[in-house]
Amino acid sequence: MAKGKDVRVRIILECTSCVRKGVNKKSTGISRYITQKNRHNTPSRLELRKFCSYCYKHRIQGEIKK
């Protein structure tokens, strides 16, 4: 099986509010999570509500390109 034909792919989720407004003055980076998704069931970009350790709140984490 070729590597590009896998159904489940690894994706990186990044905090959308930290990216939009720039990083908070207290923080030193951007919150990121690594997870998997099924390419056939979810062809569009995935968005999940997860905890951002830099905003200290639950925020929408959006899929980014590798």
Protein backbone atom coordinates (compact mmCIF):
# COMPACT_ATOMS: atom_id res chain seq x y z
CA MET A 1 0.00 0.00 0.00
CA ALA A 2 1.33 3.42 -0.95
CA LYS A 3 1.92 5.96 1.78
CA GLY A 4 -0.31 8.63 0.18
CA LYS A 5 -3.37 6.34 -0.02
CA ASP A 6 -3.93 5.88 3.73
CA VAL A 7 -7.49 6.49 4.92
CA ARG A 8 -6.50 7.76 8.39
CA VAL A 9 -4.09 10.69 8.29
CA ARG A 10 -2.29 12.63 11.03
CA ILE A 11 -3.32 16.26 11.34
CA ILE A 12 -2.20 19.20 13.47
CA LEU A 13 -4.78 21.39 15.21
CA GLU A 14 -3.81 24.96 16.10
CA CYS A 15 -5.61 27.57 18.21
CA THR A 16 -7.41 29.95 15.85
CA SER A 17 -7.68 32.85 18.30
CA CYS A 18 -3.94 32.89 19.11
CA VAL A 19 -3.13 32.96 15.40
CA ARG A 20 -5.60 35.73 14.56
CA LYS A 21 -4.73 38.27 17.23
CA GLY A 22 -1.08 37.35 17.61
CA VAL A 23 0.33 35.63 20.63
CA ASN A 24 -0.75 36.90 24.04
CA LYS A 25 1.96 38.94 25.83
CA LYS A 26 2.11 36.44 28.70
CA SER A 27 2.48 33.40 26.43
CA THR A 28 5.51 32.15 24.54
CA GLY A 29 3.86 30.23 21.68
CA ILE A 30 0.75 28.77 20.06
CA SER A 31 -1.27 25.81 21.34
CA ARG A 32 -1.11 22.76 19.03
CA TYR A 33 -2.61 19.27 19.17
CA ILE A 34 -1.81 16.23 16.99
CA THR A 35 -4.66 13.84 16.14
CA GLN A 36 -5.97 11.64 13.34
CA LYS A 37 -8.96 11.91 11.03
CA ASN A 38 -10.60 9.68 8.46
CA ARG A 39 -10.02 11.25 5.05
CA HIS A 40 -13.15 9.67 3.50
CA ASN A 41 -15.60 10.69 6.26
CA THR A 42 -14.17 14.19 6.82
CA PRO A 43 -12.67 15.58 3.59
CA SER A 44 -12.92 19.21 4.77
CA ARG A 45 -10.73 20.79 7.43
CA LEU A 46 -11.45 19.64 10.97
CA GLU A 47 -12.26 22.05 13.82
CA LEU A 48 -12.54 20.91 17.44
CA ARG A 49 -13.09 22.83 20.66
CA LYS A 50 -10.11 22.11 22.92
CA PHE A 51 -8.23 23.81 25.75
CA CYS A 52 -5.60 26.36 24.72
CA SER A 53 -2.78 26.44 27.25
CA TYR A 54 -1.76 29.94 26.16
CA CYS A 55 -5.22 31.59 26.26
CA TYR A 56 -6.20 29.52 29.34
CA LYS A 57 -9.65 28.96 27.78
CA HIS A 58 -11.46 26.43 25.62
CA ARG A 59 -11.10 27.68 22.04
CA ILE A 60 -11.67 26.34 18.53
CA GLN A 61 -8.63 24.46 17.28
CA GLY A 62 -8.46 24.34 13.46
CA GLU A 63 -6.56 22.01 11.17
CA ILE A 64 -3.41 23.42 9.56
CA LYS A 65 -1.19 22.23 6.74
CA LYS A 66 1.93 20.26 7.61
